[in-house]
Amino acid sequence: MAVILGNSGIVELTRSSIDETFTSDVNPSDVNPTKNSFSFDFPLGQLLTGDQLEIKATDGDTLDFITGWTYPDGKWFINVDPVGGIRLYEDFEGAVNGEITGRVDLQLPSRDIPIEVKVQNSFARCLAEVTEFELNTSRDAVDVTEIGEEFRQQFGTLISGSGTIGCFFEYQQNPCGSDGSVTPELALYMHQLVIRQQLGSEFKARLYLVRRGTGSGVDFDDEVWYEFNAWVTNVAIAFEPTQLVRSQIQFVTNGLIQLKVKTASNYLLQENDDRILLERNQGTGYLEVEQQE
């Protein structure tokens, strides 16, 4: 019987893409080529550093405030400064660090450019400095007992989920992952997400109980994880002298909750669907089983 230790899990976070779009204009006065930054009218705090934006010129002409760009649309990661100035980057790491290297060069546009902006996040990253997580799933029960029955009858209905994620507060980028090459999401993002009013605080998460590479063997590829969409409902921060600063994130799930298992198969399948038990010295195939709550 397998015994799972709690030191092999991670939280994998995907920023949500938003169906809502912003429409505005980029005027020559909105562009600062010296700092390679620009601005447009959007509610302050709704666009966050690290978001990936799709920017499109609604008149069909080129986005000529971007140096060398000959297309009417494009996608970039953004860095948002405290006064709402936006800098464009080709990669996520450069955007969250606000580095000069990798910043997209801007130039004064030849006209007022009407634009449409949409948040288009699609990349999964591990959440940095996680110390614990908890997921609670429950099913509502309806009493369907009829008059005259001796025992109470219940009927299960809707499933709901909620939970918490605990982590050390982090605002600077440090690589995570087994090879140190993965750029993580930071606890700071969750603090920003909960106060983002118009675009909401939704995110997609995978809570890994077992992840690839954490077993006793070199080729250990088993994985077990919960997958769901959720809304951040509360973020607390604990600050105490001589103690590490901690963040506590509370969330409720939104829609489907899945418990997924990926494990090595002990059988080889033949063309007639019969199975052959593998010898100990043989390699294994893979079988992915998905269980939905």
Protein backbone atom coordinates (compact mmCIF):
# COMPACT_ATOMS: atom_id res chain seq x y z
CA MET A 1 0.00 0.00 0.00
CA ALA A 2 1.38 3.40 -0.99
CA VAL A 3 1.87 6.07 1.64
CA ILE A 4 1.94 9.60 0.24
CA LEU A 5 4.00 12.25 2.02
CA GLY A 6 2.96 15.88 1.84
CA ASN A 7 6.34 17.14 0.67
CA SER A 8 5.93 16.24 -3.00
CA GLY A 9 2.99 18.45 -3.96
CA ILE A 10 2.95 21.74 -5.83
CA VAL A 11 0.30 24.25 -6.88
CA GLU A 12 0.19 24.92 -10.61
CA LEU A 13 -1.61 28.17 -11.44
CA THR A 14 -2.98 29.48 -14.75
CA ARG A 15 -4.09 33.09 -14.96
CA SER A 16 -7.60 33.28 -16.35
CA SER A 17 -8.36 34.72 -19.75
CA ILE A 18 -11.18 37.26 -19.69
CA ASP A 19 -13.94 37.47 -22.29
CA GLU A 20 -14.40 41.18 -21.63
CA THR A 21 -12.45 43.58 -23.88
CA PHE A 22 -11.27 47.14 -23.41
CA THR A 23 -11.64 49.65 -26.24
CA SER A 24 -9.57 52.80 -26.22
CA ASP A 25 -7.14 54.87 -28.29
CA VAL A 26 -3.37 55.15 -28.33
CA ASN A 27 -2.49 58.76 -29.09
CA PRO A 28 1.01 60.08 -29.89
CA SER A 29 0.98 61.80 -26.48
CA ASP A 30 0.37 58.40 -24.80
CA VAL A 31 3.67 56.94 -26.02
CA ASN A 32 7.06 57.56 -24.39
CA PRO A 33 9.73 56.14 -26.73
CA THR A 34 12.53 57.01 -24.27
CA LYS A 35 11.09 54.70 -21.59
CA ASN A 36 9.41 52.36 -24.11
CA SER A 37 6.10 52.73 -22.30
CA PHE A 38 2.60 53.75 -23.34
CA SER A 39 -0.82 54.13 -21.80
CA PHE A 40 -4.48 54.01 -22.72
CA ASP A 41 -7.72 54.45 -20.82
CA PHE A 42 -8.42 51.43 -18.61
CA PRO A 43 -9.52 51.12 -14.97
CA LEU A 44 -6.40 51.31 -12.79
CA GLY A 45 -5.68 47.94 -11.18
CA GLN A 46 -7.54 45.84 -13.77
CA LEU A 47 -4.44 44.93 -15.79
CA LEU A 48 -1.71 43.23 -13.76
CA THR A 49 1.99 42.79 -14.36
CA GLY A 50 2.54 39.43 -16.06
CA ASP A 51 -0.79 39.42 -17.91
CA GLN A 52 -0.66 38.52 -21.58
CA LEU A 53 -2.57 41.01 -23.70
CA GLU A 54 -3.91 40.74 -27.21
CA ILE A 55 -3.88 44.23 -28.72
CA LYS A 56 -5.73 44.85 -31.97
CA ALA A 57 -6.14 47.97 -34.10
CA THR A 58 -9.88 48.13 -34.80
CA ASP A 59 -9.39 50.22 -37.97
CA GLY A 60 -7.42 47.37 -39.59
CA ASP A 61 -4.22 49.41 -39.87
CA THR A 62 -0.91 48.48 -38.25
CA LEU A 63 0.07 49.02 -34.62
CA ASP A 64 2.73 51.47 -35.73
CA PHE A 65 3.59 52.64 -32.21
CA ILE A 66 5.51 49.33 -31.88
CA THR A 67 8.85 49.62 -33.64
CA GLY A 68 9.13 47.32 -36.67
CA TRP A 69 5.66 45.83 -36.20
CA THR A 70 3.71 45.54 -39.48
CA TYR A 71 0.57 43.77 -38.27
CA PRO A 72 -2.79 45.07 -36.99
CA ASP A 73 -2.64 42.88 -33.86
CA GLY A 74 -0.30 40.97 -31.59
CA LYS A 75 0.22 39.41 -28.14
CA TRP A 76 2.68 40.52 -25.49
CA PHE A 77 3.29 40.17 -21.76
CA ILE A 78 3.02 43.44 -19.87
CA ASN A 79 4.63 45.25 -16.98
CA VAL A 80 2.34 47.84 -15.37
CA ASP A 81 3.96 50.62 -13.33
CA PRO A 82 2.22 52.30 -10.34
CA VAL A 83 0.79 55.13 -12.49
CA GLY A 84 -0.62 52.88 -15.21
CA GLY A 85 2.21 52.99 -17.74
CA ILE A 86 2.53 49.77 -19.76
CA ARG A 87 5.69 48.15 -21.11
CA LEU A 88 5.55 45.23 -23.52
CA TYR A 89 7.70 42.08 -23.34
CA GLU A 90 8.04 38.93 -25.38
CA ASP A 91 8.42 36.70 -22.30
CA PHE A 92 6.77 36.42 -18.89
CA GLU A 93 9.96 36.55 -16.84
CA GLY A 94 11.08 39.85 -18.33
CA ALA A 95 7.63 41.34 -17.76
CA VAL A 96 7.35 40.49 -14.06
CA ASN A 97 10.90 41.68 -13.38
CA GLY A 98 10.51 44.87 -15.42
CA GLU A 99 13.92 44.38 -16.99
CA ILE A 100 15.30 46.63 -19.71
CA THR A 101 16.54 43.57 -21.61
CA GLY A 102 13.69 42.06 -23.62
CA ARG A 103 11.53 45.18 -23.53
CA VAL A 104 9.73 45.86 -26.81
CA ASP A 105 10.82 49.13 -28.44
CA LEU A 106 8.14 51.74 -29.03
CA GLN A 107 7.97 54.78 -31.29
CA LEU A 108 5.61 57.72 -31.77
CA PRO A 109 2.58 56.65 -33.85
CA SER A 110 1.61 58.52 -36.98
CA ARG A 111 -2.05 58.71 -35.95
CA ASP A 112 -4.52 58.11 -33.13
CA ILE A 113 -4.86 54.31 -33.08
CA PRO A 114 -8.22 52.86 -31.98
CA ILE A 115 -7.46 49.61 -30.15
CA GLU A 116 -9.22 46.66 -28.61
CA VAL A 117 -7.46 44.94 -25.71
CA LYS A 118 -8.19 41.50 -24.29
CA VAL A 119 -6.50 39.48 -21.55
CA GLN A 120 -5.33 36.19 -23.10
CA ASN A 121 -3.48 34.18 -20.45
CA SER A 122 -2.90 30.50 -21.19
CA PHE A 123 0.34 29.45 -19.47
CA ALA A 124 0.50 27.26 -16.35
CA ARG A 125 3.17 28.08 -13.76
CA CYS A 126 3.91 26.83 -10.27
CA LEU A 127 3.00 29.09 -7.36
CA ALA A 128 6.15 30.04 -5.46
CA GLU A 129 6.91 29.27 -1.79
CA VAL A 130 3.80 27.15 -1.12
CA THR A 131 3.81 25.61 2.37
CA GLU A 132 0.37 23.97 2.41
CA PHE A 133 -2.90 23.66 0.55
CA GLU A 134 -6.33 22.27 1.35
CA LEU A 135 -9.32 21.41 -0.84
CA ASN A 136 -12.75 20.58 0.57
CA THR A 137 -15.43 19.05 -1.65
CA SER A 138 -18.99 18.56 -0.51
CA ARG A 139 -22.29 17.42 -1.99
CA ASP A 140 -25.56 18.98 -0.88
CA ALA A 141 -28.19 16.55 0.40
CA VAL A 142 -31.95 16.97 0.03
CA ASP A 143 -34.32 15.24 2.42
CA VAL A 144 -36.80 13.17 0.35
CA THR A 145 -38.32 11.21 3.26
CA GLU A 146 -42.01 10.49 2.77
CA ILE A 147 -44.64 10.44 5.48
CA GLY A 148 -44.90 7.02 7.10
CA GLU A 149 -41.29 5.94 6.43
CA GLU A 150 -39.22 4.81 9.42
CA PHE A 151 -35.83 5.89 8.12
CA ARG A 152 -34.75 9.21 6.70
CA GLN A 153 -34.04 9.26 2.95
CA GLN A 154 -31.49 11.63 1.40
CA PHE A 155 -30.77 12.56 -2.19
CA GLY A 156 -27.37 13.94 -3.23
CA THR A 157 -27.44 17.07 -5.41
CA LEU A 158 -24.87 19.71 -6.33
CA ILE A 159 -21.13 19.46 -5.66
CA SER A 160 -19.18 22.45 -4.34
CA GLY A 161 -15.60 23.00 -3.36
CA SER A 162 -13.52 25.42 -1.33
CA GLY A 163 -10.08 25.55 0.15
CA THR A 164 -6.98 27.45 1.17
CA ILE A 165 -3.42 27.85 -0.06
CA GLY A 166 -0.69 28.89 2.36
CA CYS A 167 2.63 30.27 1.19
CA PHE A 168 5.45 32.57 2.19
CA PHE A 169 4.91 36.07 0.83
CA GLU A 170 7.11 36.67 -2.23
CA TYR A 171 7.37 39.61 -4.59
CA GLN A 172 10.68 38.92 -6.37
CA GLN A 173 11.26 36.29 -9.01
CA ASN A 174 13.25 33.18 -8.14
CA PRO A 175 13.31 30.05 -10.32
CA CYS A 176 11.35 27.01 -9.13
CA GLY A 177 10.96 23.50 -10.43
CA SER A 178 13.27 20.53 -10.20
CA ASP A 179 15.78 22.01 -12.67
CA GLY A 180 15.49 25.60 -11.44
CA SER A 181 14.40 26.84 -14.86
CA VAL A 182 10.69 27.51 -14.27
CA THR A 183 9.55 31.08 -13.69
CA PRO A 184 6.89 30.92 -10.97
CA GLU A 185 3.82 32.89 -10.10
CA LEU A 186 4.25 34.90 -6.92
CA ALA A 187 2.04 35.26 -3.86
CA LEU A 188 1.89 38.97 -4.73
CA TYR A 189 -0.27 38.10 -7.75
CA MET A 190 -2.94 36.54 -5.53
CA HIS A 191 -3.02 39.69 -3.40
CA GLN A 192 -3.52 41.77 -6.55
CA LEU A 193 -6.10 39.37 -7.98
CA VAL A 194 -8.52 39.56 -5.06
CA ILE A 195 -8.87 43.35 -5.38
CA ARG A 196 -9.25 43.40 -9.18
CA GLN A 197 -12.85 44.52 -9.46
CA GLN A 198 -14.09 44.51 -13.06
CA LEU A 199 -12.19 41.56 -14.50
CA GLY A 200 -12.69 39.40 -11.42
CA SER A 201 -10.42 37.09 -9.42
CA GLU A 202 -10.79 33.81 -11.30
CA PHE A 203 -7.86 31.44 -11.86
CA LYS A 204 -7.32 27.82 -12.90
CA ALA A 205 -5.40 25.53 -10.56
CA ARG A 206 -3.92 22.09 -10.36
CA LEU A 207 -3.18 20.88 -6.82
CA TYR A 208 -0.61 18.09 -7.15
CA LEU A 209 -0.58 15.38 -4.47
CA VAL A 210 2.00 13.35 -6.38
CA ARG A 211 4.06 14.78 -9.19
CA ARG A 212 6.51 13.44 -11.72
CA GLY A 213 10.07 12.93 -10.52
CA THR A 214 9.32 12.85 -6.77
CA GLY A 215 9.25 9.08 -6.26
CA SER A 216 12.04 6.78 -5.12
CA GLY A 217 12.90 5.65 -8.65
CA VAL A 218 14.66 7.65 -11.36
CA ASP A 219 11.87 7.04 -13.85
CA PHE A 220 8.98 7.71 -11.47
CA ASP A 221 6.26 9.31 -13.61
CA ASP A 222 3.08 8.86 -11.55
CA GLU A 223 0.98 11.97 -11.01
CA VAL A 224 -2.16 12.66 -8.97
CA TRP A 225 -3.82 16.06 -8.97
CA TYR A 226 -7.06 18.00 -8.51
CA GLU A 227 -7.98 20.37 -11.33
CA PHE A 228 -10.59 23.15 -11.20
CA ASN A 229 -11.40 26.79 -11.82
CA ALA A 230 -11.79 28.98 -8.74
CA TRP A 231 -12.38 32.48 -7.45
CA VAL A 232 -10.17 34.07 -4.82
CA THR A 233 -12.48 35.15 -1.98
CA ASN A 234 -10.04 36.21 0.71
CA VAL A 235 -6.32 36.87 1.05
CA ALA A 236 -4.79 37.37 4.48
CA ILE A 237 -1.21 38.26 5.34
CA ALA A 238 0.46 37.62 8.70
CA PHE A 239 3.29 39.97 9.68
CA GLU A 240 5.16 39.46 12.94
CA PRO A 241 8.70 40.48 14.00
CA THR A 242 11.33 37.74 13.59
CA GLN A 243 8.78 35.54 11.77
CA LEU A 244 8.48 34.79 8.08
CA VAL A 245 5.71 36.75 6.35
CA ARG A 246 2.96 34.37 5.27
CA SER A 247 0.02 34.65 2.88
CA GLN A 248 -3.20 32.67 3.33
CA ILE A 249 -5.39 32.49 0.23
CA GLN A 250 -8.99 31.29 0.39
CA PHE A 251 -10.94 30.28 -2.69
CA VAL A 252 -14.19 28.70 -3.86
CA THR A 253 -14.37 26.50 -6.93
CA ASN A 254 -16.33 27.54 -9.97
CA GLY A 255 -17.76 24.61 -11.96
CA LEU A 256 -16.20 21.20 -12.61
CA ILE A 257 -13.85 19.59 -10.07
CA GLN A 258 -11.70 16.72 -11.37
CA LEU A 259 -9.42 14.27 -9.60
CA LYS A 260 -6.95 13.00 -12.19
CA VAL A 261 -4.48 10.16 -11.96
CA LYS A 262 -1.64 9.36 -14.34
CA THR A 263 0.17 6.14 -13.53
CA ALA A 264 2.38 3.51 -15.14
CA SER A 265 0.48 0.52 -16.51
CA ASN A 266 1.49 -3.02 -15.53
CA TYR A 267 0.11 -4.43 -18.78
CA LEU A 268 0.74 -4.28 -22.50
CA LEU A 269 -2.39 -4.20 -24.68
CA GLN A 270 -2.65 -6.46 -27.75
CA GLU A 271 -4.65 -5.73 -30.89
CA ASN A 272 -7.49 -7.95 -29.63
CA ASP A 273 -7.62 -6.00 -26.30
CA ASP A 274 -6.10 -8.90 -24.32
CA ARG A 275 -3.50 -7.94 -21.75
CA ILE A 276 0.03 -9.29 -21.17
CA LEU A 277 1.52 -8.84 -17.68
CA LEU A 278 4.89 -7.10 -17.90
CA GLU A 279 8.04 -8.71 -16.53
CA ARG A 280 9.92 -6.77 -13.88
CA ASN A 281 12.75 -5.90 -16.26
CA GLN A 282 10.49 -4.56 -19.00
CA GLY A 283 9.63 -0.93 -19.63
CA THR A 284 6.14 0.35 -18.94
CA GLY A 285 3.54 2.04 -21.00
CA TYR A 286 1.31 4.74 -19.65
CA LEU A 287 -2.31 4.73 -18.68
CA GLU A 288 -4.15 7.89 -17.74
CA VAL A 289 -7.26 7.47 -15.65
CA GLU A 290 -9.52 10.40 -14.90
CA GLN A 291 -12.00 10.30 -12.05
CA GLN A 292 -14.53 13.10 -11.87
CA GLU A 293 -16.19 14.16 -8.65
